[in-house]
Amino acid sequence: MKSLALARYSGVQCFTIGQDILQSAPRQWKFLMAQLDPYTSGSPGAVPREGQDNGESGGLSASRERLVKQLIQANLGGSLEVTALADACSLSRSHFSRAFKCSTGVSPQEWIHRQRIARAKELIRHSELSLIQIGLECGYCDQAHFCRSFTRSVGVPPLAWRSVVRDAPLPADSVTGTAP
């Protein structure tokens, strides 16, 4: 009696089916093959979820993405935790983080950081607030943290950036040396 071995693609589960079962129960064989097909085709671990096409990106829905971005913008000056954003979308933290990155191309933390830097640039350019006040307004715990983050992102310290943008009304991107 010959036997066929069918393995889940990851190699975790194996079924050995005798050739006689194959011949005597073709319906059950077809049913079993249909059940195993998602596990044996495509890339490892790529099992489609119920209600999801294989072609979907896996990102956040447009309404959830819009909601999260509005929450971030509304709370830039405060403490923003990914867990709170995930809760607003009724998703786990890890699923939310993956979906957000799939939708935006960056992690939630990086997106928050970029929004804080953009807000800081706007305040530096259009207000007379001190760097301490700007840092606090943008959600940084102190001026040192703000200056370190700003310098790492923009390439120059915020005080130097302020003097450059006020002396010459250039687009903000031209200060960092990138093309607009």
N, C-alpha and C. Protein backbone atom coordinates (compact mmCIF):
# COMPACT_ATOMS: atom_id res chain seq x y z
N MET A 1 0.84 -1.16 0.00
CA MET A 1 0.00 0.00 0.00
C MET A 1 0.89 1.24 0.00
N LYS A 2 0.69 2.03 -1.04
CA LYS A 2 1.43 3.28 -1.12
C LYS A 2 0.75 4.32 -0.25
N SER A 3 1.52 5.24 0.26
CA SER A 3 0.90 6.31 1.04
C SER A 3 1.40 7.66 0.53
N LEU A 4 0.56 8.61 0.67
CA LEU A 4 0.88 9.98 0.27
C LEU A 4 1.03 10.81 1.53
N ALA A 5 2.00 11.64 1.57
CA ALA A 5 2.18 12.53 2.72
C ALA A 5 1.85 13.95 2.29
N LEU A 6 0.92 14.53 2.99
CA LEU A 6 0.57 15.92 2.76
C LEU A 6 1.03 16.71 3.97
N ALA A 7 1.73 17.75 3.74
CA ALA A 7 2.24 18.54 4.86
C ALA A 7 1.76 19.97 4.74
N ARG A 8 1.43 20.52 5.84
CA ARG A 8 1.17 21.95 5.88
C ARG A 8 2.46 22.62 5.47
N TYR A 9 2.39 23.76 4.77
CA TYR A 9 3.57 24.36 4.18
C TYR A 9 4.67 24.61 5.21
N SER A 10 4.30 24.92 6.43
CA SER A 10 5.31 25.17 7.46
C SER A 10 5.94 23.89 7.96
N GLY A 11 5.38 22.74 7.60
CA GLY A 11 5.95 21.47 8.01
C GLY A 11 5.55 21.04 9.40
N VAL A 12 4.55 21.71 9.99
CA VAL A 12 4.16 21.39 11.35
C VAL A 12 3.24 20.19 11.40
N GLN A 13 2.22 20.19 10.56
CA GLN A 13 1.26 19.09 10.58
C GLN A 13 1.43 18.21 9.36
N CYS A 14 1.41 16.93 9.57
CA CYS A 14 1.49 15.99 8.45
C CYS A 14 0.34 15.01 8.52
N PHE A 15 -0.16 14.67 7.36
CA PHE A 15 -1.20 13.66 7.25
C PHE A 15 -0.71 12.59 6.29
N THR A 16 -0.85 11.38 6.68
CA THR A 16 -0.51 10.29 5.77
C THR A 16 -1.81 9.60 5.40
N ILE A 17 -2.05 9.53 4.13
CA ILE A 17 -3.30 8.97 3.65
C ILE A 17 -2.97 7.82 2.72
N GLY A 18 -3.55 6.69 3.01
CA GLY A 18 -3.31 5.52 2.17
C GLY A 18 -3.96 5.68 0.81
N GLN A 19 -3.37 5.04 -0.17
CA GLN A 19 -3.91 5.12 -1.53
C GLN A 19 -5.30 4.51 -1.59
N ASP A 20 -5.57 3.53 -0.74
CA ASP A 20 -6.89 2.93 -0.73
C ASP A 20 -7.96 3.92 -0.27
N ILE A 21 -7.62 4.81 0.66
CA ILE A 21 -8.58 5.82 1.09
C ILE A 21 -8.83 6.80 -0.04
N LEU A 22 -7.79 7.15 -0.76
CA LEU A 22 -7.92 8.05 -1.90
C LEU A 22 -8.88 7.47 -2.93
N GLN A 23 -8.76 6.18 -3.17
CA GLN A 23 -9.61 5.55 -4.17
C GLN A 23 -11.03 5.33 -3.65
N SER A 24 -11.19 5.03 -2.37
CA SER A 24 -12.52 4.71 -1.86
C SER A 24 -13.32 5.95 -1.42
N ALA A 25 -12.65 7.06 -1.18
CA ALA A 25 -13.36 8.25 -0.70
C ALA A 25 -12.88 9.50 -1.43
N PRO A 26 -13.18 9.61 -2.73
CA PRO A 26 -12.68 10.77 -3.48
C PRO A 26 -13.26 12.10 -3.00
N ARG A 27 -14.51 12.10 -2.48
CA ARG A 27 -15.09 13.34 -1.98
C ARG A 27 -14.32 13.87 -0.78
N GLN A 28 -14.03 12.97 0.13
CA GLN A 28 -13.28 13.39 1.31
C GLN A 28 -11.89 13.88 0.92
N TRP A 29 -11.29 13.24 -0.07
CA TRP A 29 -9.98 13.65 -0.55
C TRP A 29 -10.04 15.07 -1.10
N LYS A 30 -11.06 15.34 -1.94
CA LYS A 30 -11.20 16.68 -2.51
C LYS A 30 -11.44 17.72 -1.42
N PHE A 31 -12.26 17.36 -0.43
CA PHE A 31 -12.53 18.27 0.67
C PHE A 31 -11.24 18.57 1.44
N LEU A 32 -10.48 17.52 1.74
CA LEU A 32 -9.22 17.69 2.47
C LEU A 32 -8.25 18.56 1.68
N MET A 33 -8.14 18.32 0.38
CA MET A 33 -7.25 19.12 -0.45
C MET A 33 -7.68 20.58 -0.48
N ALA A 34 -9.00 20.81 -0.55
CA ALA A 34 -9.50 22.19 -0.56
C ALA A 34 -9.18 22.89 0.77
N GLN A 35 -9.25 22.15 1.88
CA GLN A 35 -8.94 22.73 3.17
C GLN A 35 -7.46 23.04 3.33
N LEU A 36 -6.61 22.21 2.73
CA LEU A 36 -5.17 22.38 2.85
C LEU A 36 -4.59 23.35 1.84
N ASP A 37 -5.33 23.67 0.79
CA ASP A 37 -4.81 24.51 -0.28
C ASP A 37 -4.25 25.85 0.20
N PRO A 38 -4.94 26.58 1.07
CA PRO A 38 -4.36 27.86 1.51
C PRO A 38 -3.01 27.70 2.21
N TYR A 39 -2.77 26.54 2.82
CA TYR A 39 -1.53 26.32 3.54
C TYR A 39 -0.39 25.84 2.65
N THR A 40 -0.74 25.31 1.50
CA THR A 40 0.30 24.73 0.64
C THR A 40 0.63 25.59 -0.57
N SER A 41 -0.13 26.65 -0.81
CA SER A 41 0.16 27.51 -1.95
C SER A 41 0.61 28.87 -1.45
N GLY A 42 1.40 29.55 -2.24
CA GLY A 42 1.86 30.89 -1.89
C GLY A 42 3.05 30.84 -0.97
N SER A 43 3.27 31.96 -0.30
CA SER A 43 4.43 32.07 0.57
C SER A 43 4.15 31.47 1.94
N PRO A 44 5.19 31.08 2.67
CA PRO A 44 4.99 30.50 3.98
C PRO A 44 4.27 31.46 4.92
N GLY A 45 3.29 30.92 5.61
CA GLY A 45 2.56 31.74 6.57
C GLY A 45 1.51 32.63 5.96
N ALA A 46 1.32 32.57 4.66
CA ALA A 46 0.35 33.45 4.01
C ALA A 46 -0.99 32.74 3.90
N VAL A 47 -1.69 32.65 5.01
CA VAL A 47 -3.00 32.04 5.04
C VAL A 47 -4.03 33.15 5.00
N PRO A 48 -4.88 33.16 3.97
CA PRO A 48 -5.86 34.24 3.90
C PRO A 48 -6.84 34.18 5.05
N ARG A 49 -7.19 35.33 5.60
CA ARG A 49 -8.17 35.39 6.67
C ARG A 49 -9.55 35.43 6.06
N GLU A 50 -10.51 35.07 6.86
CA GLU A 50 -11.88 35.08 6.40
C GLU A 50 -12.29 36.49 5.99
N GLY A 51 -12.86 36.63 4.81
CA GLY A 51 -13.30 37.93 4.34
C GLY A 51 -12.19 38.79 3.77
N GLN A 52 -11.01 38.25 3.59
CA GLN A 52 -9.89 39.03 3.06
C GLN A 52 -9.41 38.41 1.77
N ASP A 53 -9.26 39.24 0.75
CA ASP A 53 -8.70 38.76 -0.51
C ASP A 53 -7.20 38.68 -0.37
N ASN A 54 -6.60 37.81 -1.16
CA ASN A 54 -5.14 37.74 -1.16
C ASN A 54 -4.52 39.02 -1.70
N GLY A 55 -5.27 39.80 -2.49
CA GLY A 55 -4.73 41.01 -3.09
C GLY A 55 -4.76 42.23 -2.17
N GLU A 56 -5.44 42.14 -1.01
CA GLU A 56 -5.51 43.28 -0.12
C GLU A 56 -4.15 43.59 0.47
N SER A 57 -3.96 44.86 0.77
CA SER A 57 -2.66 45.29 1.29
C SER A 57 -2.49 44.98 2.76
N GLY A 58 -3.58 44.82 3.50
CA GLY A 58 -3.47 44.57 4.93
C GLY A 58 -3.35 45.83 5.75
N GLY A 59 -3.52 47.00 5.12
CA GLY A 59 -3.42 48.26 5.83
C GLY A 59 -4.71 48.63 6.53
N LEU A 60 -4.71 49.78 7.14
CA LEU A 60 -5.89 50.29 7.82
C LEU A 60 -6.93 50.73 6.77
N SER A 61 -8.19 50.65 7.15
CA SER A 61 -9.21 51.18 6.26
C SER A 61 -9.04 52.70 6.22
N ALA A 62 -9.59 53.32 5.20
CA ALA A 62 -9.45 54.78 5.04
C ALA A 62 -10.02 55.52 6.24
N SER A 63 -11.15 55.05 6.77
CA SER A 63 -11.76 55.74 7.91
C SER A 63 -10.91 55.59 9.17
N ARG A 64 -10.33 54.41 9.40
CA ARG A 64 -9.47 54.21 10.57
C ARG A 64 -8.18 55.04 10.44
N GLU A 65 -7.62 55.06 9.25
CA GLU A 65 -6.40 55.85 9.04
C GLU A 65 -6.67 57.33 9.29
N ARG A 66 -7.80 57.82 8.79
CA ARG A 66 -8.18 59.22 8.99
C ARG A 66 -8.40 59.50 10.49
N LEU A 67 -9.06 58.58 11.19
CA LEU A 67 -9.31 58.74 12.62
C LEU A 67 -7.99 58.82 13.39
N VAL A 68 -7.07 57.92 13.11
CA VAL A 68 -5.79 57.90 13.82
C VAL A 68 -5.01 59.17 13.55
N LYS A 69 -4.97 59.62 12.32
CA LYS A 69 -4.23 60.83 11.98
C LYS A 69 -4.84 62.05 12.67
N GLN A 70 -6.16 62.09 12.76
CA GLN A 70 -6.82 63.19 13.47
C GLN A 70 -6.49 63.15 14.97
N LEU A 71 -6.49 61.95 15.55
CA LEU A 71 -6.14 61.81 16.96
C LEU A 71 -4.71 62.27 17.22
N ILE A 72 -3.81 61.89 16.33
CA ILE A 72 -2.41 62.29 16.49
C ILE A 72 -2.29 63.81 16.40
N GLN A 73 -2.89 64.41 15.39
CA GLN A 73 -2.81 65.88 15.22
C GLN A 73 -3.42 66.60 16.43
N ALA A 74 -4.52 66.08 16.95
CA ALA A 74 -5.18 66.72 18.08
C ALA A 74 -4.38 66.60 19.38
N ASN A 75 -3.54 65.60 19.47
CA ASN A 75 -2.81 65.35 20.72
C ASN A 75 -1.30 65.42 20.57
N LEU A 76 -0.80 66.17 19.60
CA LEU A 76 0.65 66.25 19.39
C LEU A 76 1.38 66.79 20.62
N GLY A 77 0.76 67.66 21.36
CA GLY A 77 1.40 68.26 22.51
C GLY A 77 1.42 67.36 23.73
N GLY A 78 0.68 66.27 23.70
CA GLY A 78 0.61 65.37 24.84
C GLY A 78 1.36 64.09 24.61
N SER A 79 1.15 63.18 25.51
CA SER A 79 1.78 61.86 25.41
C SER A 79 0.92 60.99 24.50
N LEU A 80 1.49 60.55 23.41
CA LEU A 80 0.77 59.69 22.47
C LEU A 80 1.32 58.27 22.56
N GLU A 81 0.46 57.33 22.91
CA GLU A 81 0.87 55.94 22.99
C GLU A 81 0.20 55.17 21.87
N VAL A 82 0.96 54.28 21.27
CA VAL A 82 0.44 53.46 20.18
C VAL A 82 -0.72 52.61 20.67
N THR A 83 -0.67 52.17 21.92
CA THR A 83 -1.75 51.36 22.49
C THR A 83 -3.07 52.12 22.46
N ALA A 84 -3.05 53.41 22.79
CA ALA A 84 -4.27 54.21 22.77
C ALA A 84 -4.80 54.36 21.35
N LEU A 85 -3.91 54.53 20.38
CA LEU A 85 -4.33 54.64 18.98
C LEU A 85 -4.92 53.32 18.50
N ALA A 86 -4.29 52.22 18.91
CA ALA A 86 -4.80 50.89 18.54
C ALA A 86 -6.18 50.65 19.15
N ASP A 87 -6.36 51.07 20.39
CA ASP A 87 -7.66 50.93 21.05
C ASP A 87 -8.74 51.73 20.32
N ALA A 88 -8.38 52.90 19.81
CA ALA A 88 -9.35 53.72 19.07
C ALA A 88 -9.81 53.03 17.80
N CYS A 89 -8.95 52.15 17.26
CA CYS A 89 -9.29 51.40 16.05
C CYS A 89 -9.82 50.01 16.36
N SER A 90 -9.92 49.68 17.64
CA SER A 90 -10.36 48.34 18.08
C SER A 90 -9.45 47.24 17.52
N LEU A 91 -8.15 47.49 17.55
CA LEU A 91 -7.17 46.51 17.09
C LEU A 91 -6.14 46.30 18.19
N SER A 92 -5.45 45.17 18.12
CA SER A 92 -4.34 44.96 19.05
C SER A 92 -3.21 45.89 18.66
N ARG A 93 -2.30 46.12 19.59
CA ARG A 93 -1.18 47.04 19.34
C ARG A 93 -0.34 46.56 18.16
N SER A 94 -0.02 45.26 18.14
CA SER A 94 0.85 44.75 17.08
C SER A 94 0.15 44.76 15.72
N HIS A 95 -1.13 44.39 15.69
CA HIS A 95 -1.86 44.40 14.42
C HIS A 95 -2.01 45.83 13.91
N PHE A 96 -2.31 46.75 14.82
CA PHE A 96 -2.43 48.16 14.44
C PHE A 96 -1.11 48.68 13.87
N SER A 97 -0.01 48.38 14.53
CA SER A 97 1.30 48.87 14.07
C SER A 97 1.62 48.36 12.67
N ARG A 98 1.36 47.07 12.43
CA ARG A 98 1.61 46.51 11.08
C ARG A 98 0.71 47.15 10.05
N ALA A 99 -0.57 47.29 10.37
CA ALA A 99 -1.53 47.87 9.43
C ALA A 99 -1.20 49.34 9.14
N PHE A 100 -0.82 50.08 10.19
CA PHE A 100 -0.48 51.49 10.00
C PHE A 100 0.73 51.64 9.09
N LYS A 101 1.75 50.82 9.33
CA LYS A 101 2.95 50.88 8.51
C LYS A 101 2.64 50.50 7.06
N CYS A 102 1.76 49.53 6.90
CA CYS A 102 1.37 49.11 5.55
C CYS A 102 0.63 50.25 4.84
N SER A 103 -0.18 51.01 5.58
CA SER A 103 -0.95 52.11 4.99
C SER A 103 -0.11 53.34 4.70
N THR A 104 0.80 53.67 5.61
CA THR A 104 1.53 54.94 5.50
C THR A 104 2.98 54.79 5.06
N GLY A 105 3.53 53.59 5.21
CA GLY A 105 4.93 53.38 4.84
C GLY A 105 5.90 53.60 5.99
N VAL A 106 5.41 54.10 7.12
CA VAL A 106 6.25 54.30 8.30
C VAL A 106 5.50 53.80 9.53
N SER A 107 6.24 53.52 10.60
CA SER A 107 5.63 53.07 11.84
C SER A 107 4.83 54.21 12.48
N PRO A 108 3.90 53.88 13.38
CA PRO A 108 3.16 54.95 14.06
C PRO A 108 4.08 55.91 14.81
N GLN A 109 5.12 55.38 15.46
CA GLN A 109 6.04 56.24 16.20
C GLN A 109 6.76 57.20 15.27
N GLU A 110 7.20 56.71 14.12
CA GLU A 110 7.89 57.57 13.15
C GLU A 110 6.95 58.62 12.59
N TRP A 111 5.69 58.25 12.34
CA TRP A 111 4.72 59.21 11.81
C TRP A 111 4.47 60.31 12.83
N ILE A 112 4.33 59.92 14.11
CA ILE A 112 4.14 60.90 15.18
C ILE A 112 5.35 61.83 15.24
N HIS A 113 6.53 61.25 15.18
CA HIS A 113 7.77 62.05 15.22
C HIS A 113 7.80 63.07 14.07
N ARG A 114 7.47 62.62 12.87
CA ARG A 114 7.48 63.52 11.71
C ARG A 114 6.46 64.64 11.87
N GLN A 115 5.28 64.32 12.43
CA GLN A 115 4.26 65.34 12.63
C GLN A 115 4.71 66.35 13.68
N ARG A 116 5.39 65.88 14.70
CA ARG A 116 5.90 66.79 15.73
C ARG A 116 6.96 67.73 15.16
N ILE A 117 7.84 67.20 14.33
CA ILE A 117 8.87 68.03 13.71
C ILE A 117 8.23 69.05 12.75
N ALA A 118 7.24 68.62 11.99
CA ALA A 118 6.56 69.55 11.08
C ALA A 118 5.87 70.67 11.87
N ARG A 119 5.24 70.30 12.98
CA ARG A 119 4.59 71.31 13.83
C ARG A 119 5.64 72.26 14.43
N ALA A 120 6.77 71.70 14.85
CA ALA A 120 7.84 72.53 15.41
C ALA A 120 8.36 73.50 14.37
N LYS A 121 8.54 73.05 13.13
CA LYS A 121 9.00 73.94 12.05
C LYS A 121 8.01 75.08 11.85
N GLU A 122 6.74 74.75 11.88
CA GLU A 122 5.71 75.77 11.70
C GLU A 122 5.76 76.80 12.84
N LEU A 123 5.89 76.33 14.07
CA LEU A 123 5.95 77.24 15.21
C LEU A 123 7.24 78.07 15.21
N ILE A 124 8.35 77.45 14.84
CA ILE A 124 9.62 78.19 14.78
C ILE A 124 9.53 79.31 13.76
N ARG A 125 8.95 79.00 12.63
CA ARG A 125 8.87 79.98 11.54
C ARG A 125 7.87 81.09 11.82
N HIS A 126 6.74 80.76 12.40
CA HIS A 126 5.65 81.74 12.48
C HIS A 126 5.32 82.23 13.88
N SER A 127 6.13 81.92 14.88
CA SER A 127 5.83 82.40 16.22
C SER A 127 7.09 82.92 16.90
N GLU A 128 6.88 83.60 17.98
CA GLU A 128 7.99 84.12 18.77
C GLU A 128 8.22 83.28 20.03
N LEU A 129 7.65 82.10 20.07
CA LEU A 129 7.80 81.23 21.23
C LEU A 129 9.26 80.81 21.39
N SER A 130 9.66 80.58 22.64
CA SER A 130 11.01 80.08 22.90
C SER A 130 11.08 78.61 22.49
N LEU A 131 12.29 78.11 22.34
CA LEU A 131 12.46 76.70 21.97
C LEU A 131 11.89 75.76 23.05
N ILE A 132 11.98 76.17 24.29
CA ILE A 132 11.40 75.37 25.37
C ILE A 132 9.89 75.26 25.17
N GLN A 133 9.24 76.39 24.92
CA GLN A 133 7.79 76.40 24.72
C GLN A 133 7.39 75.60 23.48
N ILE A 134 8.16 75.74 22.41
CA ILE A 134 7.88 74.99 21.18
C ILE A 134 8.02 73.50 21.43
N GLY A 135 9.09 73.11 22.12
CA GLY A 135 9.29 71.69 22.43
C GLY A 135 8.14 71.12 23.23
N LEU A 136 7.70 71.84 24.25
CA LEU A 136 6.57 71.39 25.07
C LEU A 136 5.28 71.35 24.26
N GLU A 137 5.10 72.35 23.41
CA GLU A 137 3.90 72.41 22.56
C GLU A 137 3.84 71.22 21.59
N CYS A 138 4.99 70.71 21.21
CA CYS A 138 5.05 69.61 20.25
C CYS A 138 5.16 68.23 20.92
N GLY A 139 5.07 68.19 22.25
CA GLY A 139 5.03 66.92 22.93
C GLY A 139 6.36 66.39 23.43
N TYR A 140 7.40 67.20 23.39
CA TYR A 140 8.70 66.78 23.91
C TYR A 140 8.77 67.10 25.40
N CYS A 141 9.46 66.26 26.16
CA CYS A 141 9.48 66.44 27.62
C CYS A 141 10.37 67.59 28.06
N ASP A 142 11.38 67.93 27.29
CA ASP A 142 12.24 69.06 27.63
C ASP A 142 12.93 69.59 26.38
N GLN A 143 13.64 70.71 26.54
CA GLN A 143 14.29 71.35 25.39
C GLN A 143 15.39 70.48 24.81
N ALA A 144 16.13 69.77 25.65
CA ALA A 144 17.22 68.94 25.16
C ALA A 144 16.69 67.83 24.25
N HIS A 145 15.61 67.20 24.67
CA HIS A 145 15.01 66.14 23.85
C HIS A 145 14.52 66.70 22.52
N PHE A 146 13.86 67.86 22.60
CA PHE A 146 13.37 68.51 21.39
C PHE A 146 14.52 68.85 20.44
N CYS A 147 15.57 69.49 20.96
CA CYS A 147 16.70 69.90 20.12
C CYS A 147 17.40 68.69 19.50
N ARG A 148 17.56 67.64 20.27
CA ARG A 148 18.21 66.43 19.77
C ARG A 148 17.38 65.80 18.64
N SER A 149 16.07 65.69 18.84
CA SER A 149 15.20 65.11 17.81
C SER A 149 15.15 65.98 16.55
N PHE A 150 15.05 67.29 16.77
CA PHE A 150 14.98 68.22 15.64
C PHE A 150 16.27 68.16 14.82
N THR A 151 17.41 68.19 15.50
CA THR A 151 18.70 68.15 14.81
C THR A 151 18.88 66.85 14.05
N ARG A 152 18.48 65.74 14.65
CA ARG A 152 18.60 64.44 13.98
C ARG A 152 17.73 64.39 12.72
N SER A 153 16.55 65.00 12.77
CA SER A 153 15.62 64.95 11.63
C SER A 153 15.94 65.96 10.55
N VAL A 154 16.26 67.17 10.94
CA VAL A 154 16.43 68.27 9.98
C VAL A 154 17.89 68.45 9.56
N GLY A 155 18.80 68.14 10.46
CA GLY A 155 20.21 68.28 10.14
C GLY A 155 20.87 69.50 10.76
N VAL A 156 20.07 70.41 11.27
CA VAL A 156 20.60 71.59 11.96
C VAL A 156 19.80 71.80 13.24
N PRO A 157 20.39 72.43 14.26
CA PRO A 157 19.65 72.70 15.49
C PRO A 157 18.50 73.67 15.24
N PRO A 158 17.47 73.63 16.06
CA PRO A 158 16.30 74.50 15.83
C PRO A 158 16.61 75.99 15.85
N LEU A 159 17.54 76.43 16.70
CA LEU A 159 17.88 77.85 16.74
C LEU A 159 18.54 78.29 15.43
N ALA A 160 19.43 77.47 14.90
CA ALA A 160 20.06 77.79 13.61
C ALA A 160 19.03 77.75 12.49
N TRP A 161 18.12 76.80 12.55
CA TRP A 161 17.07 76.70 11.53
C TRP A 161 16.19 77.94 11.58
N ARG A 162 15.89 78.41 12.79
CA ARG A 162 15.07 79.62 12.95
C ARG A 162 15.74 80.83 12.31
N SER A 163 17.03 80.98 12.54
CA SER A 163 17.72 82.15 11.97
C SER A 163 17.79 82.07 10.45
N VAL A 164 17.95 80.89 9.91
CA VAL A 164 18.01 80.73 8.45
C VAL A 164 16.65 81.02 7.82
N VAL A 165 15.57 80.47 8.37
CA VAL A 165 14.26 80.66 7.74
C VAL A 165 13.73 82.08 7.94
N ARG A 166 14.18 82.74 8.95
CA ARG A 166 13.73 84.13 9.16
C ARG A 166 14.53 85.11 8.32
N ASP A 167 15.80 84.81 8.06
CA ASP A 167 16.63 85.68 7.24
C ASP A 167 16.26 85.61 5.76
N ALA A 168 15.98 84.42 5.30
CA ALA A 168 15.62 84.22 3.89
C ALA A 168 14.34 83.41 3.83
N PRO A 169 13.26 83.97 3.30
CA PRO A 169 11.98 83.25 3.25
C PRO A 169 12.00 82.14 2.18
N LEU A 170 12.74 81.08 2.46
CA LEU A 170 12.82 79.94 1.56
C LEU A 170 11.87 78.85 2.03
N PRO A 171 11.49 77.94 1.14
CA PRO A 171 10.68 76.80 1.59
C PRO A 171 11.46 76.01 2.63
N ALA A 172 10.75 75.40 3.57
CA ALA A 172 11.39 74.68 4.69
C ALA A 172 12.31 73.58 4.20
N ASP A 173 11.99 72.91 3.10
CA ASP A 173 12.81 71.80 2.60
C ASP A 173 14.15 72.28 2.05
N SER A 174 14.23 73.52 1.60
CA SER A 174 15.49 74.00 1.03
C SER A 174 16.55 74.19 2.10
N VAL A 175 16.13 74.36 3.36
CA VAL A 175 17.08 74.53 4.45
C VAL A 175 17.84 73.22 4.69
N THR A 176 17.15 72.09 4.54
CA THR A 176 17.79 70.80 4.80
C THR A 176 18.62 70.33 3.61
N GLY A 177 18.55 71.06 2.50
CA GLY A 177 19.36 70.69 1.35
C GLY A 177 18.67 69.76 0.37
N THR A 178 17.37 69.48 0.61
CA THR A 178 16.63 68.61 -0.31
C THR A 178 15.83 69.47 -1.27
N ALA A 179 15.58 68.92 -2.41
CA ALA A 179 14.79 69.65 -3.42
C ALA A 179 13.34 69.68 -3.01
N PRO A 180 12.62 70.79 -3.25
CA PRO A 180 11.20 70.88 -2.89
C PRO A 180 10.35 69.95 -3.71
